[in-house]
C-alpha atoms as a PDB file:
ATOM      1  CA  MET A   1      23.462  24.384  31.276  1.00  0.00           C
ATOM      2  CA  SER A   2      24.425  23.811  27.631  1.00  0.00           C
ATOM      3  CA  GLN A   3      22.422  25.783  25.109  1.00  0.00           C
ATOM      4  CA  GLU A   4      20.524  24.059  22.333  1.00  0.00           C
ATOM      5  CA  PRO A   5      22.216  24.719  18.960  1.00  0.00           C
ATOM      6  CA  LEU A   6      20.249  26.871  16.513  1.00  0.00           C
ATOM      7  CA  ILE A   7      21.195  24.684  13.564  1.00  0.00           C
ATOM      8  CA  GLY A   8      20.379  21.106  14.491  1.00  0.00           C
ATOM      9  CA  LYS A   9      22.321  18.067  13.402  1.00  0.00           C
ATOM     10  CA  HIS A  10      21.728  17.404   9.734  1.00  0.00           C
ATOM     11  CA  GLY A  11      23.096  15.433   6.816  1.00  0.00           C
ATOM     12  CA  GLY A  12      24.569  12.037   7.601  1.00  0.00           C
ATOM     13  CA  TYR A  13      22.235  10.463   5.055  1.00  0.00           C
ATOM     14  CA  ARG A  14      24.969   8.179   3.735  1.00  0.00           C
ATOM     15  CA  LYS A  15      24.762   6.247   7.000  1.00  0.00           C
ATOM     16  CA  LEU A  16      21.007   5.724   6.672  1.00  0.00           C
ATOM     17  CA  LYS A  17      20.077   2.167   5.704  1.00  0.00           C
ATOM     18  CA  SER A  18      17.167   3.576   3.684  1.00  0.00           C
ATOM     19  CA  PHE A  19      19.581   5.691   1.622  1.00  0.00           C
ATOM     20  CA  GLN A  20      21.986   2.800   1.052  1.00  0.00           C
ATOM     21  CA  LEU A  21      19.153   0.562  -0.127  1.00  0.00           C
ATOM     22  CA  ALA A  22      17.675   3.287  -2.331  1.00  0.00           C
ATOM     23  CA  GLN A  23      21.066   3.851  -3.942  1.00  0.00           C
ATOM     24  CA  LEU A  24      21.452   0.136  -4.700  1.00  0.00           C
ATOM     25  CA  ILE A  25      17.899   0.044  -6.083  1.00  0.00           C
ATOM     26  CA  TYR A  26      18.760   3.001  -8.329  1.00  0.00           C
ATOM     27  CA  ASP A  27      21.918   1.310  -9.656  1.00  0.00           C
ATOM     28  CA  VAL A  28      20.038  -1.937 -10.331  1.00  0.00           C
ATOM     29  CA  THR A  29      17.123  -0.133 -11.974  1.00  0.00           C
ATOM     30  CA  VAL A  30      19.357   1.801 -14.383  1.00  0.00           C
ATOM     31  CA  ARG A  31      20.902  -1.490 -15.513  1.00  0.00           C
ATOM     32  CA  PHE A  32      17.551  -3.306 -15.564  1.00  0.00           C
ATOM     33  CA  ALA A  33      15.918  -0.599 -17.702  1.00  0.00           C
ATOM     34  CA  GLU A  34      18.824  -0.636 -20.155  1.00  0.00           C
ATOM     35  CA  ARG A  35      18.668  -4.400 -20.599  1.00  0.00           C
ATOM     36  CA  TYR A  36      15.007  -5.337 -20.303  1.00  0.00           C
ATOM     37  CA  ILE A  37      12.829  -2.287 -21.083  1.00  0.00           C
ATOM     38  CA  ASP A  38      12.330  -1.098 -24.656  1.00  0.00           C
ATOM     39  CA  GLN A  39      14.195   2.174 -25.142  1.00  0.00           C
ATOM     40  CA  ARG A  40      11.139   3.615 -26.913  1.00  0.00           C
ATOM     41  CA  SER A  41       8.948   2.948 -23.883  1.00  0.00           C
ATOM     42  CA  ARG A  42       8.150   5.795 -21.474  1.00  0.00           C
ATOM     43  CA  THR A  43       8.312   3.229 -18.690  1.00  0.00           C
ATOM     44  CA  ARG A  44      12.080   3.014 -19.098  1.00  0.00           C
ATOM     45  CA  ASP A  45      12.666   6.670 -18.218  1.00  0.00           C
ATOM     46  CA  GLN A  46       9.947   6.659 -15.573  1.00  0.00           C
ATOM     47  CA  MET A  47      11.506   3.748 -13.707  1.00  0.00           C
ATOM     48  CA  VAL A  48      14.943   5.358 -13.694  1.00  0.00           C
ATOM     49  CA  GLN A  49      13.532   8.724 -12.607  1.00  0.00           C
ATOM     50  CA  ALA A  50      11.472   7.153  -9.822  1.00  0.00           C
ATOM     51  CA  ALA A  51      14.544   5.291  -8.533  1.00  0.00           C
ATOM     52  CA  ARG A  52      16.652   8.458  -8.710  1.00  0.00           C
ATOM     53  CA  SER A  53      13.959  10.448  -6.919  1.00  0.00           C
ATOM     54  CA  GLY A  54      14.073   7.986  -4.036  1.00  0.00           C
ATOM     55  CA  VAL A  55      17.809   8.506  -3.565  1.00  0.00           C
ATOM     56  CA  GLN A  56      17.914  12.261  -4.115  1.00  0.00           C
ATOM     57  CA  ASN A  57      14.987  13.143  -1.873  1.00  0.00           C
ATOM     58  CA  ILE A  58      16.307  11.107   1.065  1.00  0.00           C
ATOM     59  CA  ALA A  59      19.613  12.954   0.739  1.00  0.00           C
ATOM     60  CA  GLU A  60      18.074  16.397   0.232  1.00  0.00           C
ATOM     61  CA  GLY A  61      15.649  15.931   3.111  1.00  0.00           C
ATOM     62  CA  SER A  62      18.448  14.874   5.463  1.00  0.00           C
ATOM     63  CA  GLN A  63      20.583  17.848   4.458  1.00  0.00           C
ATOM     64  CA  ALA A  64      17.691  20.292   4.913  1.00  0.00           C
ATOM     65  CA  SER A  65      16.805  18.960   8.366  1.00  0.00           C
ATOM     66  CA  GLY A  66      19.147  21.377  10.133  1.00  0.00           C
ATOM     67  CA  THR A  67      16.851  24.319   9.443  1.00  0.00           C
ATOM     68  CA  SER A  68      13.588  22.680   8.402  1.00  0.00           C
ATOM     69  CA  LYS A  69      12.200  19.472   9.840  1.00  0.00           C
ATOM     70  CA  LYS A  70       9.076  20.155   7.809  1.00  0.00           C
ATOM     71  CA  THR A  71      11.118  20.037   4.591  1.00  0.00           C
ATOM     72  CA  GLU A  72      12.825  16.830   5.701  1.00  0.00           C
ATOM     73  CA  LEU A  73       9.452  15.246   6.385  1.00  0.00           C
ATOM     74  CA  LYS A  74       8.089  16.373   3.012  1.00  0.00           C
ATOM     75  CA  LEU A  75      11.075  15.197   0.964  1.00  0.00           C
ATOM     76  CA  THR A  76      11.287  11.860   2.754  1.00  0.00           C
ATOM     77  CA  SER A  77       7.615  11.392   1.933  1.00  0.00           C
ATOM     78  CA  VAL A  78       8.352  12.175  -1.734  1.00  0.00           C
ATOM     79  CA  ALA A  79      11.124   9.554  -1.691  1.00  0.00           C
ATOM     80  CA  ARG A  80       8.709   7.005  -0.251  1.00  0.00           C
ATOM     81  CA  ALA A  81       6.091   7.777  -2.909  1.00  0.00           C
ATOM     82  CA  SER A  82       8.656   7.502  -5.718  1.00  0.00           C
ATOM     83  CA  LEU A  83       9.788   4.071  -4.551  1.00  0.00           C
ATOM     84  CA  GLU A  84       6.171   2.931  -4.296  1.00  0.00           C
ATOM     85  CA  GLU A  85       5.723   3.944  -7.940  1.00  0.00           C
ATOM     86  CA  LEU A  86       8.858   1.996  -8.840  1.00  0.00           C
ATOM     87  CA  ARG A  87       7.598  -1.060  -6.955  1.00  0.00           C
ATOM     88  CA  LEU A  88       4.436  -1.033  -9.085  1.00  0.00           C
ATOM     89  CA  ASP A  89       6.548  -0.800 -12.256  1.00  0.00           C
ATOM     90  CA  TYR A  90       8.467  -3.956 -11.343  1.00  0.00           C
ATOM     91  CA  GLU A  91       5.235  -5.770 -10.462  1.00  0.00           C
ATOM     92  CA  ASP A  92       3.743  -4.669 -13.800  1.00  0.00           C
ATOM     93  CA  TYR A  93       6.830  -5.908 -15.656  1.00  0.00           C
ATOM     94  CA  LEU A  94       6.408  -9.417 -14.260  1.00  0.00           C
ATOM     95  CA  ARG A  95       2.619  -9.568 -14.551  1.00  0.00           C
ATOM     96  CA  GLN A  96       2.416  -8.269 -18.126  1.00  0.00           C
ATOM     97  CA  ARG A  97       4.967 -10.841 -19.310  1.00  0.00           C
ATOM     98  CA  ARG A  98       3.386 -13.644 -17.290  1.00  0.00           C
ATOM     99  CA  LEU A  99       6.533 -14.053 -15.261  1.00  0.00           C
ATOM    100  CA  ALA A 100       6.455 -15.210 -11.658  1.00  0.00           C
ATOM    101  CA  GLU A 101       6.376 -12.763  -8.788  1.00  0.00           C
ATOM    102  CA  TRP A 102       7.850 -14.741  -5.914  1.00  0.00           C
ATOM    103  CA  ARG A 103       6.281 -15.120  -2.509  1.00  0.00           C
ATOM    104  CA  PRO A 104       8.361 -13.841   0.436  1.00  0.00           C
ATOM    105  CA  ASP A 105       9.237 -17.424   1.404  1.00  0.00           C
ATOM    106  CA  HIS A 106      10.469 -18.444  -2.071  1.00  0.00           C
ATOM    107  CA  PRO A 107      13.744 -20.405  -1.530  1.00  0.00           C
ATOM    108  CA  ALA A 108      15.782 -18.269  -3.938  1.00  0.00           C
ATOM    109  CA  LEU A 109      14.440 -15.092  -2.388  1.00  0.00           C
ATOM    110  CA  MET A 110      15.222 -16.348   1.092  1.00  0.00           C
ATOM    111  CA  ARG A 111      18.813 -16.980  -0.006  1.00  0.00           C
ATOM    112  CA  PHE A 112      18.960 -13.490  -1.488  1.00  0.00           C
ATOM    113  CA  LYS A 113      17.753 -11.886   1.738  1.00  0.00           C
ATOM    114  CA  ALA A 114      20.327 -13.828   3.740  1.00  0.00           C
ATOM    115  CA  LEU A 115      23.134 -12.424   1.574  1.00  0.00           C
ATOM    116  CA  ARG A 116      22.201  -8.793   2.341  1.00  0.00           C
ATOM    117  CA  CYS A 117      23.606  -7.631  -0.983  1.00  0.00           C
ATOM    118  CA  SER A 118      25.045  -4.132  -0.978  1.00  0.00           C
ATOM    119  CA  SER A 119      26.340  -3.834  -4.539  1.00  0.00           C
ATOM    120  CA  MET A 120      25.508  -4.644  -8.142  1.00  0.00           C
ATOM    121  CA  ASP A 121      28.323  -7.195  -8.289  1.00  0.00           C
ATOM    122  CA  GLU A 122      26.910  -9.116  -5.328  1.00  0.00           C
ATOM    123  CA  LEU A 123      23.442  -9.174  -6.869  1.00  0.00           C
ATOM    124  CA  ARG A 124      24.856 -10.263 -10.222  1.00  0.00           C
ATOM    125  CA  ASN A 125      26.768 -13.119  -8.590  1.00  0.00           C
ATOM    126  CA  TRP A 126      23.611 -14.213  -6.767  1.00  0.00           C
ATOM    127  CA  VAL A 127      21.678 -14.343 -10.054  1.00  0.00           C
ATOM    128  CA  SER A 128      24.414 -16.427 -11.655  1.00  0.00           C
ATOM    129  CA  GLU A 129      24.534 -18.889  -8.768  1.00  0.00           C
ATOM    130  CA  GLU A 130      20.757 -19.225  -8.612  1.00  0.00           C
ATOM    131  CA  GLN A 131      20.528 -19.915 -12.345  1.00  0.00           C
ATOM    132  CA  LYS A 132      23.154 -22.649 -12.010  1.00  0.00           C
ATOM    133  CA  LEU A 133      21.275 -24.171  -9.087  1.00  0.00           C
ATOM    134  CA  HIS A 134      17.991 -23.977 -10.980  1.00  0.00           C
ATOM    135  CA  ARG A 135      19.499 -25.699 -14.039  1.00  0.00           C
ATOM    136  CA  GLN A 136      20.957 -28.478 -11.899  1.00  0.00           C
ATOM    137  CA  THR A 137      17.616 -29.058 -10.194  1.00  0.00           C
ATOM    138  CA  GLN A 138      15.783 -29.020 -13.524  1.00  0.00           C
ATOM    139  CA  THR A 139      18.258 -31.474 -15.083  1.00  0.00           C
ATOM    140  CA  ILE A 140      17.883 -33.915 -12.180  1.00  0.00           C
ATOM    141  CA  THR A 141      14.095 -33.663 -12.343  1.00  0.00           C
ATOM    142  CA  ASP A 142      14.032 -34.164 -16.089  1.00  0.00           C
ATOM    143  CA  ALA A 143      16.375 -37.159 -15.866  1.00  0.00           C
ATOM    144  CA  THR A 144      14.218 -38.762 -13.170  1.00  0.00           C
ATOM    145  CA  SER A 145      10.965 -38.221 -15.035  1.00  0.00           C
ATOM    146  CA  GLN A 146      12.526 -38.981 -18.422  1.00  0.00           C
ATOM    147  CA  VAL A 147      11.288 -35.686 -19.854  1.00  0.00           C
ATOM    148  CA  ARG A 148      13.430 -34.043 -22.511  1.00  0.00           C
ATOM    149  CA  VAL A 149      15.069 -30.768 -21.488  1.00  0.00           C
ATOM    150  CA  PRO A 150      13.627 -28.047 -23.760  1.00  0.00           C
ATOM    151  CA  ASP A 151      15.965 -26.278 -26.176  1.00  0.00           C
ATOM    152  CA  SER A 152      14.637 -22.807 -25.338  1.00  0.00           C
ATOM    153  CA  PRO A 153      15.356 -21.367 -21.863  1.00  0.00           C
ATOM    154  CA  CYS A 154      12.659 -21.772 -19.260  1.00  0.00           C
ATOM    155  CA  LYS A 155      10.946 -18.512 -18.298  1.00  0.00           C
ATOM    156  CA  SER A 156      11.798 -19.098 -14.669  1.00  0.00           C
ATOM    157  CA  LEU A 157      15.504 -19.108 -15.614  1.00  0.00           C
ATOM    158  CA  LEU A 158      15.465 -15.669 -17.195  1.00  0.00           C
ATOM    159  CA  ALA A 159      17.829 -13.287 -15.437  1.00  0.00           C
ATOM    160  CA  SER A 160      15.155 -10.583 -15.528  1.00  0.00           C
ATOM    161  CA  VAL A 161      12.931 -12.715 -13.271  1.00  0.00           C
ATOM    162  CA  PHE A 162      15.660 -12.990 -10.663  1.00  0.00           C
ATOM    163  CA  VAL A 163      16.603  -9.308 -10.835  1.00  0.00           C
ATOM    164  CA  ALA A 164      13.014  -8.049 -10.748  1.00  0.00           C
ATOM    165  CA  ASN A 165      12.128 -10.183  -7.736  1.00  0.00           C
ATOM    166  CA  ALA A 166      15.334  -9.286  -5.921  1.00  0.00           C
ATOM    167  CA  THR A 167      14.687  -5.585  -6.541  1.00  0.00           C
ATOM    168  CA  LEU A 168      11.126  -5.949  -5.286  1.00  0.00           C
ATOM    169  CA  SER A 169      12.538  -7.466  -2.107  1.00  0.00           C
ATOM    170  CA  LEU A 170      14.911  -4.495  -1.728  1.00  0.00           C
ATOM    171  CA  LEU A 171      12.029  -2.108  -2.382  1.00  0.00           C
ATOM    172  CA  ASN A 172       9.842  -3.777   0.228  1.00  0.00           C
ATOM    173  CA  LEU A 173      12.569  -3.364   2.837  1.00  0.00           C
ATOM    174  CA  CYS A 174      13.405   0.195   1.817  1.00  0.00           C
ATOM    175  CA  CYS A 175       9.736   1.259   1.887  1.00  0.00           C
ATOM    176  CA  TYR A 176       9.348  -0.326   5.324  1.00  0.00           C
ATOM    177  CA  LEU A 177      12.360   1.595   6.620  1.00  0.00           C
ATOM    178  CA  LEU A 178      11.095   4.852   5.128  1.00  0.00           C
ATOM    179  CA  ASP A 179       7.702   4.316   6.754  1.00  0.00           C
ATOM    180  CA  ARG A 180       9.449   3.981  10.126  1.00  0.00           C
ATOM    181  CA  GLN A 181      11.603   7.004   9.331  1.00  0.00           C
ATOM    182  CA  LEU A 182       8.534   9.088   8.492  1.00  0.00           C
ATOM    183  CA  ASN A 183       6.777   8.043  11.684  1.00  0.00           C
ATOM    184  CA  ALA A 184       9.822   9.015  13.749  1.00  0.00           C
ATOM    185  CA  LEU A 185      10.150  12.360  11.965  1.00  0.00           C
ATOM    186  CA  ALA A 186       6.456  13.132  12.421  1.00  0.00           C
ATOM    187  CA  LYS A 187       6.612  12.290  16.124  1.00  0.00           C
ATOM    188  CA  SER A 188       9.724  14.427  16.627  1.00  0.00           C
ATOM    189  CA  PHE A 189       8.182  17.348  14.746  1.00  0.00           C
ATOM    190  CA  GLU A 190       5.014  17.084  16.798  1.00  0.00           C
ATOM    191  CA  GLN A 191       6.902  17.038  20.110  1.00  0.00           C
ATOM    192  CA  LYS A 192       9.745  19.483  19.430  1.00  0.00           C
ATOM    193  CA  GLY A 193       8.604  21.519  16.442  1.00  0.00           C
ATOM    194  CA  GLY A 194      11.022  22.825  13.840  1.00  0.00           C
ATOM    195  CA  PHE A 195      13.429  25.698  13.324  1.00  0.00           C
ATOM    196  CA  THR A 196      10.981  28.413  14.444  1.00  0.00           C
ATOM    197  CA  GLU A 197      10.241  26.655  17.716  1.00  0.00           C
ATOM    198  CA  ARG A 198      13.957  26.019  18.321  1.00  0.00           C
ATOM    199  CA  LEU A 199      14.743  29.693  17.675  1.00  0.00           C
ATOM    200  CA  TYR A 200      12.072  30.700  20.188  1.00  0.00           C
ATOM    201  CA  ARG A 201      13.493  28.352  22.838  1.00  0.00           C
ATOM    202  CA  ILE A 202      17.035  29.676  22.339  1.00  0.00           C
ATOM    203  CA  ARG A 203      15.916  33.318  22.548  1.00  0.00           C
ATOM    204  CA  SER A 204      13.932  32.549  25.679  1.00  0.00           C
ATOM    205  CA  GLN A 205      16.976  30.898  27.283  1.00  0.00           C
ATOM    206  CA  ARG A 206      19.116  33.917  26.471  1.00  0.00           C
ATOM    207  CA  ARG A 207      16.580  36.340  27.924  1.00  0.00           C
ATOM    208  CA  ARG A 208      16.432  34.339  31.139  1.00  0.00           C
ATOM    209  CA  GLY A 209      20.215  34.224  31.260  1.00  0.00           C
ATOM    210  CA  ASN A 210      20.529  37.989  30.842  1.00  0.00           C
ATOM    211  CA  SER A 211      17.843  38.838  33.368  1.00  0.00           C
END
């Protein structure tokens, strides 16, 4: 009978979909804060720190899981809370500027979800393509209704609207995955315990083997 290892499997966070999404959200948020949030605003630093906290705590929790499932559970929960804070910041950005927060079934958002972007470049290309499509649609509509195209850019064409809504979509998915991750961790901890319980089981097996 194979003996249970004292140090359980740990790390491997780079393969977690939640970590990959959190890392992309962090990269996007750093760029978003630089471009669209006033550098004198505390919100700028808070958004970046919240995004970074999401990434770092997922990684740290995964690495600590070998000797402390309790620590993994705690740090994963911190990551989830940080990303919830960041989600509110993006919602506030749109609401306070009277910019649209898209419904889940918004056509542009549906196209974004279908792409399953995994990098800044892919997200940037999506924004560019959506703006082109939006301009074409607006031009056709204006030509049909004989309404003059305004000289100033339409609010709905602003890149910040696309990026904020895309990031909210990524956050929604990442938070959902972290909720599932937390539930699985809690269930495992309840059923199997942590390092102390594992140590007790191993010592008990050794005593039985030596008797």
